[in-house]
Amino acid sequence: QVRLVESGGGLVQPGGSLRLSCAASGNSITPYEMSWYRQAPGKGRILVARIHIDGSSIYPEAVKGRFTISRDNAKNSAYLQIHSVRPEDAAVFSCNAYDPVNSVNFWGQGTQVTVSS
């Protein structure tokens, strides 16, 4: 079992930057794939970044070049850096840990990102 707690959301201006954090407790995240998802009002939850156990990462085209996911296994944490924030980035961002051995997903409660000038 792992508990995930996101932080770092808030109000950001278009064109600004912010860094979201996902702090894990319980099990180590070392053997887990870590991902960030976002869910805008009235829309489904979509993947915006994933970092694999080996440190490689993937992004959908819509955010490639603006989003950067990272992980620090020693701190049992994952991060999402967002640059050049756009209005469409306004959403609840949730952290996900996937245990590939047991096919189990763990979710945080999410952190709200609001984009406004």
N, C-alpha and C. Protein backbone atom coordinates (compact mmCIF):
# COMPACT_ATOMS: atom_id res chain seq x y z
N GLN A 1 0.83 -1.19 0.00
CA GLN A 1 0.00 0.00 0.00
C GLN A 1 0.87 1.25 0.00
N VAL A 2 0.42 2.24 -0.72
CA VAL A 2 1.11 3.52 -0.72
C VAL A 2 0.07 4.62 -0.69
N ARG A 3 0.31 5.63 0.10
CA ARG A 3 -0.56 6.79 0.17
C ARG A 3 0.11 7.95 -0.54
N LEU A 4 -0.65 8.62 -1.40
CA LEU A 4 -0.11 9.71 -2.19
C LEU A 4 -0.79 11.01 -1.82
N VAL A 5 0.01 12.05 -1.64
CA VAL A 5 -0.52 13.37 -1.31
C VAL A 5 0.09 14.39 -2.25
N GLU A 6 -0.76 15.03 -3.03
CA GLU A 6 -0.29 16.05 -3.96
C GLU A 6 -0.28 17.42 -3.31
N SER A 7 0.57 18.27 -3.81
CA SER A 7 0.64 19.66 -3.37
C SER A 7 1.22 20.50 -4.49
N GLY A 8 1.13 21.81 -4.32
CA GLY A 8 1.73 22.71 -5.29
C GLY A 8 0.75 23.37 -6.23
N GLY A 9 -0.51 22.96 -6.17
CA GLY A 9 -1.51 23.60 -7.01
C GLY A 9 -1.85 24.98 -6.50
N GLY A 10 -2.68 25.67 -7.26
CA GLY A 10 -3.08 27.01 -6.85
C GLY A 10 -3.38 27.85 -8.06
N LEU A 11 -3.35 29.15 -7.86
CA LEU A 11 -3.63 30.10 -8.93
C LEU A 11 -2.34 30.46 -9.66
N VAL A 12 -2.37 30.37 -10.97
CA VAL A 12 -1.20 30.71 -11.78
C VAL A 12 -1.68 31.50 -12.99
N GLN A 13 -0.87 32.45 -13.41
CA GLN A 13 -1.21 33.26 -14.57
C GLN A 13 -0.83 32.53 -15.85
N PRO A 14 -1.55 32.78 -16.92
CA PRO A 14 -1.15 32.21 -18.22
C PRO A 14 0.29 32.59 -18.53
N GLY A 15 1.03 31.62 -19.00
CA GLY A 15 2.44 31.84 -19.28
C GLY A 15 3.35 31.58 -18.10
N GLY A 16 2.78 31.39 -16.95
CA GLY A 16 3.57 31.14 -15.75
C GLY A 16 3.99 29.69 -15.64
N SER A 17 4.61 29.38 -14.51
CA SER A 17 5.09 28.03 -14.26
C SER A 17 4.68 27.61 -12.86
N LEU A 18 4.61 26.32 -12.68
CA LEU A 18 4.41 25.79 -11.34
C LEU A 18 4.92 24.37 -11.27
N ARG A 19 5.17 23.96 -10.06
CA ARG A 19 5.69 22.61 -9.81
C ARG A 19 4.77 21.89 -8.84
N LEU A 20 4.26 20.80 -9.29
CA LEU A 20 3.41 19.97 -8.44
C LEU A 20 4.26 18.87 -7.81
N SER A 21 3.94 18.53 -6.58
CA SER A 21 4.65 17.48 -5.87
C SER A 21 3.69 16.38 -5.47
N CYS A 22 4.20 15.17 -5.43
CA CYS A 22 3.44 14.01 -5.00
C CYS A 22 4.29 13.27 -3.98
N ALA A 23 3.88 13.38 -2.73
CA ALA A 23 4.62 12.73 -1.65
C ALA A 23 3.97 11.39 -1.32
N ALA A 24 4.77 10.35 -1.32
CA ALA A 24 4.26 9.01 -1.04
C ALA A 24 4.67 8.57 0.37
N SER A 25 3.79 7.82 1.00
CA SER A 25 4.10 7.22 2.29
C SER A 25 3.62 5.78 2.26
N GLY A 26 4.17 4.98 3.14
CA GLY A 26 3.88 3.56 3.12
C GLY A 26 4.99 2.85 2.37
N ASN A 27 4.66 2.22 1.25
CA ASN A 27 5.68 1.55 0.45
C ASN A 27 6.56 2.54 -0.29
N SER A 28 7.75 2.07 -0.65
CA SER A 28 8.62 2.86 -1.51
C SER A 28 8.04 2.89 -2.92
N ILE A 29 8.21 4.05 -3.60
CA ILE A 29 7.72 4.15 -4.98
C ILE A 29 8.72 3.58 -5.99
N THR A 30 9.87 3.15 -5.51
CA THR A 30 10.93 2.70 -6.42
C THR A 30 10.44 1.69 -7.46
N PRO A 31 9.62 0.68 -7.08
CA PRO A 31 9.19 -0.29 -8.08
C PRO A 31 7.90 0.08 -8.80
N TYR A 32 7.45 1.33 -8.64
CA TYR A 32 6.19 1.75 -9.24
C TYR A 32 6.40 2.70 -10.41
N GLU A 33 5.54 2.59 -11.39
CA GLU A 33 5.45 3.64 -12.40
C GLU A 33 4.68 4.79 -11.78
N MET A 34 5.14 6.00 -12.01
CA MET A 34 4.48 7.18 -11.46
C MET A 34 3.92 8.02 -12.60
N SER A 35 2.72 8.49 -12.41
CA SER A 35 2.06 9.26 -13.46
C SER A 35 1.31 10.45 -12.87
N TRP A 36 1.07 11.41 -13.73
CA TRP A 36 0.21 12.54 -13.41
C TRP A 36 -0.94 12.55 -14.41
N TYR A 37 -2.13 12.78 -13.88
CA TYR A 37 -3.32 12.92 -14.69
C TYR A 37 -3.96 14.27 -14.37
N ARG A 38 -4.74 14.75 -15.30
CA ARG A 38 -5.52 15.96 -15.01
C ARG A 38 -6.96 15.74 -15.44
N GLN A 39 -7.86 16.40 -14.70
CA GLN A 39 -9.27 16.33 -15.03
C GLN A 39 -9.86 17.73 -14.97
N ALA A 40 -10.25 18.22 -16.13
CA ALA A 40 -10.87 19.54 -16.22
C ALA A 40 -12.36 19.40 -15.90
N PRO A 41 -13.01 20.48 -15.51
CA PRO A 41 -14.44 20.42 -15.18
C PRO A 41 -15.25 19.85 -16.33
N GLY A 42 -16.06 18.86 -16.03
CA GLY A 42 -16.94 18.27 -17.03
C GLY A 42 -16.25 17.33 -18.00
N LYS A 43 -14.98 17.05 -17.76
CA LYS A 43 -14.24 16.17 -18.67
C LYS A 43 -13.66 14.99 -17.92
N GLY A 44 -13.21 14.02 -18.67
CA GLY A 44 -12.62 12.84 -18.06
C GLY A 44 -11.18 13.07 -17.65
N ARG A 45 -10.66 12.15 -16.89
CA ARG A 45 -9.28 12.23 -16.42
C ARG A 45 -8.35 11.73 -17.53
N ILE A 46 -7.33 12.51 -17.84
CA ILE A 46 -6.41 12.15 -18.91
C ILE A 46 -4.97 12.14 -18.39
N LEU A 47 -4.19 11.27 -18.97
CA LEU A 47 -2.78 11.17 -18.63
C LEU A 47 -2.03 12.36 -19.21
N VAL A 48 -1.17 12.99 -18.39
CA VAL A 48 -0.34 14.08 -18.90
C VAL A 48 1.16 13.77 -18.80
N ALA A 49 1.53 12.80 -18.01
CA ALA A 49 2.95 12.44 -17.91
C ALA A 49 3.10 11.13 -17.16
N ARG A 50 4.08 10.35 -17.57
CA ARG A 50 4.39 9.10 -16.88
C ARG A 50 5.90 8.92 -16.86
N ILE A 51 6.39 8.50 -15.71
CA ILE A 51 7.81 8.18 -15.61
C ILE A 51 7.93 6.73 -15.18
N HIS A 52 8.70 6.00 -15.94
CA HIS A 52 8.83 4.57 -15.70
C HIS A 52 9.84 4.29 -14.59
N ILE A 53 9.93 3.04 -14.22
CA ILE A 53 10.84 2.64 -13.16
C ILE A 53 12.28 2.96 -13.53
N ASP A 54 12.59 2.87 -14.83
CA ASP A 54 13.96 3.14 -15.27
C ASP A 54 14.25 4.62 -15.46
N GLY A 55 13.26 5.47 -15.21
CA GLY A 55 13.46 6.91 -15.33
C GLY A 55 13.04 7.49 -16.66
N SER A 56 12.73 6.65 -17.63
CA SER A 56 12.25 7.16 -18.91
C SER A 56 10.84 7.70 -18.74
N SER A 57 10.46 8.63 -19.59
CA SER A 57 9.16 9.28 -19.42
C SER A 57 8.45 9.41 -20.76
N ILE A 58 7.15 9.53 -20.67
CA ILE A 58 6.31 9.73 -21.85
C ILE A 58 5.32 10.84 -21.58
N TYR A 59 4.94 11.53 -22.65
CA TYR A 59 3.98 12.62 -22.57
C TYR A 59 3.06 12.58 -23.79
N PRO A 60 1.81 12.96 -23.63
CA PRO A 60 0.96 13.13 -24.81
C PRO A 60 1.43 14.37 -25.57
N GLU A 61 1.13 14.40 -26.86
CA GLU A 61 1.57 15.50 -27.70
C GLU A 61 1.09 16.86 -27.17
N ALA A 62 -0.07 16.87 -26.57
CA ALA A 62 -0.67 18.14 -26.14
C ALA A 62 0.16 18.88 -25.09
N VAL A 63 1.00 18.15 -24.35
CA VAL A 63 1.78 18.79 -23.28
C VAL A 63 3.28 18.64 -23.48
N LYS A 64 3.68 17.90 -24.51
CA LYS A 64 5.11 17.66 -24.73
C LYS A 64 5.84 18.99 -24.90
N GLY A 65 6.93 19.12 -24.20
CA GLY A 65 7.72 20.35 -24.25
C GLY A 65 7.37 21.35 -23.17
N ARG A 66 6.22 21.19 -22.55
CA ARG A 66 5.80 22.11 -21.47
C ARG A 66 5.77 21.43 -20.11
N PHE A 67 5.50 20.13 -20.11
CA PHE A 67 5.42 19.37 -18.87
C PHE A 67 6.67 18.51 -18.72
N THR A 68 7.18 18.44 -17.51
CA THR A 68 8.31 17.57 -17.21
C THR A 68 8.02 16.81 -15.92
N ILE A 69 8.03 15.49 -16.02
CA ILE A 69 7.83 14.66 -14.84
C ILE A 69 9.19 14.19 -14.34
N SER A 70 9.30 14.09 -13.04
CA SER A 70 10.53 13.57 -12.44
C SER A 70 10.18 12.79 -11.19
N ARG A 71 11.14 12.05 -10.70
CA ARG A 71 10.93 11.29 -9.48
C ARG A 71 12.21 11.31 -8.66
N ASP A 72 12.03 11.25 -7.37
CA ASP A 72 13.15 11.15 -6.45
C ASP A 72 12.82 10.00 -5.51
N ASN A 73 13.33 8.84 -5.84
CA ASN A 73 13.00 7.65 -5.05
C ASN A 73 13.50 7.77 -3.61
N ALA A 74 14.59 8.47 -3.43
CA ALA A 74 15.12 8.64 -2.07
C ALA A 74 14.17 9.45 -1.20
N LYS A 75 13.47 10.39 -1.83
CA LYS A 75 12.48 11.20 -1.10
C LYS A 75 11.07 10.64 -1.22
N ASN A 76 10.97 9.50 -1.93
CA ASN A 76 9.66 8.86 -2.13
C ASN A 76 8.65 9.84 -2.71
N SER A 77 9.09 10.56 -3.72
CA SER A 77 8.25 11.61 -4.28
C SER A 77 8.38 11.67 -5.80
N ALA A 78 7.34 12.21 -6.39
CA ALA A 78 7.34 12.49 -7.83
C ALA A 78 6.91 13.94 -8.01
N TYR A 79 7.27 14.48 -9.17
CA TYR A 79 7.02 15.90 -9.40
C TYR A 79 6.53 16.13 -10.83
N LEU A 80 5.82 17.22 -11.03
CA LEU A 80 5.42 17.63 -12.37
C LEU A 80 5.69 19.12 -12.50
N GLN A 81 6.61 19.45 -13.38
CA GLN A 81 6.92 20.84 -13.67
C GLN A 81 6.14 21.27 -14.89
N ILE A 82 5.42 22.37 -14.77
CA ILE A 82 4.62 22.87 -15.88
C ILE A 82 5.13 24.26 -16.25
N HIS A 83 5.50 24.41 -17.49
CA HIS A 83 5.94 25.71 -18.01
C HIS A 83 4.90 26.24 -19.00
N SER A 84 4.97 27.56 -19.23
CA SER A 84 4.08 28.19 -20.21
C SER A 84 2.64 27.76 -20.00
N VAL A 85 2.17 27.96 -18.79
CA VAL A 85 0.82 27.51 -18.44
C VAL A 85 -0.22 28.13 -19.37
N ARG A 86 -1.17 27.31 -19.76
CA ARG A 86 -2.25 27.73 -20.64
C ARG A 86 -3.59 27.63 -19.91
N PRO A 87 -4.59 28.34 -20.38
CA PRO A 87 -5.91 28.23 -19.74
C PRO A 87 -6.43 26.80 -19.68
N GLU A 88 -6.11 26.02 -20.70
CA GLU A 88 -6.61 24.64 -20.72
C GLU A 88 -5.92 23.74 -19.70
N ASP A 89 -4.89 24.26 -19.04
CA ASP A 89 -4.24 23.49 -17.98
C ASP A 89 -5.03 23.54 -16.67
N ALA A 90 -6.02 24.38 -16.60
CA ALA A 90 -6.84 24.47 -15.39
C ALA A 90 -7.57 23.15 -15.18
N ALA A 91 -7.29 22.52 -14.05
CA ALA A 91 -7.83 21.18 -13.80
C ALA A 91 -7.40 20.73 -12.41
N VAL A 92 -7.95 19.60 -12.02
CA VAL A 92 -7.44 18.89 -10.84
C VAL A 92 -6.37 17.93 -11.33
N PHE A 93 -5.18 18.06 -10.79
CA PHE A 93 -4.07 17.18 -11.15
C PHE A 93 -3.91 16.11 -10.07
N SER A 94 -3.88 14.86 -10.52
CA SER A 94 -3.79 13.75 -9.58
C SER A 94 -2.54 12.92 -9.87
N CYS A 95 -1.96 12.45 -8.80
CA CYS A 95 -0.78 11.59 -8.89
C CYS A 95 -1.24 10.12 -8.84
N ASN A 96 -0.57 9.31 -9.61
CA ASN A 96 -0.89 7.87 -9.67
C ASN A 96 0.38 7.06 -9.53
N ALA A 97 0.30 6.02 -8.76
CA ALA A 97 1.39 5.05 -8.66
C ALA A 97 0.85 3.70 -9.11
N TYR A 98 1.55 3.08 -10.04
CA TYR A 98 1.11 1.78 -10.56
C TYR A 98 2.13 0.71 -10.21
N ASP A 99 1.63 -0.32 -9.52
CA ASP A 99 2.43 -1.48 -9.17
C ASP A 99 2.29 -2.50 -10.28
N PRO A 100 3.31 -2.64 -11.13
CA PRO A 100 3.18 -3.55 -12.28
C PRO A 100 3.21 -5.02 -11.90
N VAL A 101 3.72 -5.33 -10.73
CA VAL A 101 3.79 -6.73 -10.30
C VAL A 101 2.41 -7.24 -9.90
N ASN A 102 1.70 -6.42 -9.15
CA ASN A 102 0.38 -6.81 -8.66
C ASN A 102 -0.77 -6.15 -9.41
N SER A 103 -0.44 -5.34 -10.44
CA SER A 103 -1.46 -4.64 -11.24
C SER A 103 -2.40 -3.83 -10.36
N VAL A 104 -1.82 -3.03 -9.50
CA VAL A 104 -2.61 -2.21 -8.58
C VAL A 104 -2.28 -0.75 -8.80
N ASN A 105 -3.33 0.06 -8.79
CA ASN A 105 -3.17 1.51 -8.92
C ASN A 105 -3.45 2.18 -7.58
N PHE A 106 -2.67 3.19 -7.29
CA PHE A 106 -2.90 4.03 -6.12
C PHE A 106 -3.06 5.47 -6.60
N TRP A 107 -3.98 6.17 -5.96
CA TRP A 107 -4.28 7.55 -6.37
C TRP A 107 -4.20 8.51 -5.20
N GLY A 108 -3.77 9.72 -5.51
CA GLY A 108 -3.86 10.78 -4.54
C GLY A 108 -5.21 11.47 -4.65
N GLN A 109 -5.43 12.44 -3.79
CA GLN A 109 -6.73 13.12 -3.78
C GLN A 109 -6.80 14.26 -4.80
N GLY A 110 -5.65 14.65 -5.32
CA GLY A 110 -5.61 15.68 -6.35
C GLY A 110 -5.30 17.06 -5.80
N THR A 111 -4.79 17.90 -6.67
CA THR A 111 -4.52 19.30 -6.33
C THR A 111 -5.05 20.17 -7.46
N GLN A 112 -5.73 21.23 -7.10
CA GLN A 112 -6.40 22.09 -8.07
C GLN A 112 -5.43 23.11 -8.65
N VAL A 113 -5.42 23.22 -9.95
CA VAL A 113 -4.68 24.26 -10.64
C VAL A 113 -5.68 25.18 -11.32
N THR A 114 -5.61 26.45 -10.98
CA THR A 114 -6.49 27.46 -11.57
C THR A 114 -5.64 28.42 -12.39
N VAL A 115 -6.06 28.68 -13.60
CA VAL A 115 -5.31 29.56 -14.50
C VAL A 115 -6.13 30.82 -14.74
N SER A 116 -5.57 31.94 -14.33
CA SER A 116 -6.29 33.20 -14.48
C SER A 116 -5.32 34.36 -14.40
N SER A 117 -5.59 35.38 -15.17
CA SER A 117 -4.78 36.59 -15.10
C SER A 117 -5.42 37.62 -14.17
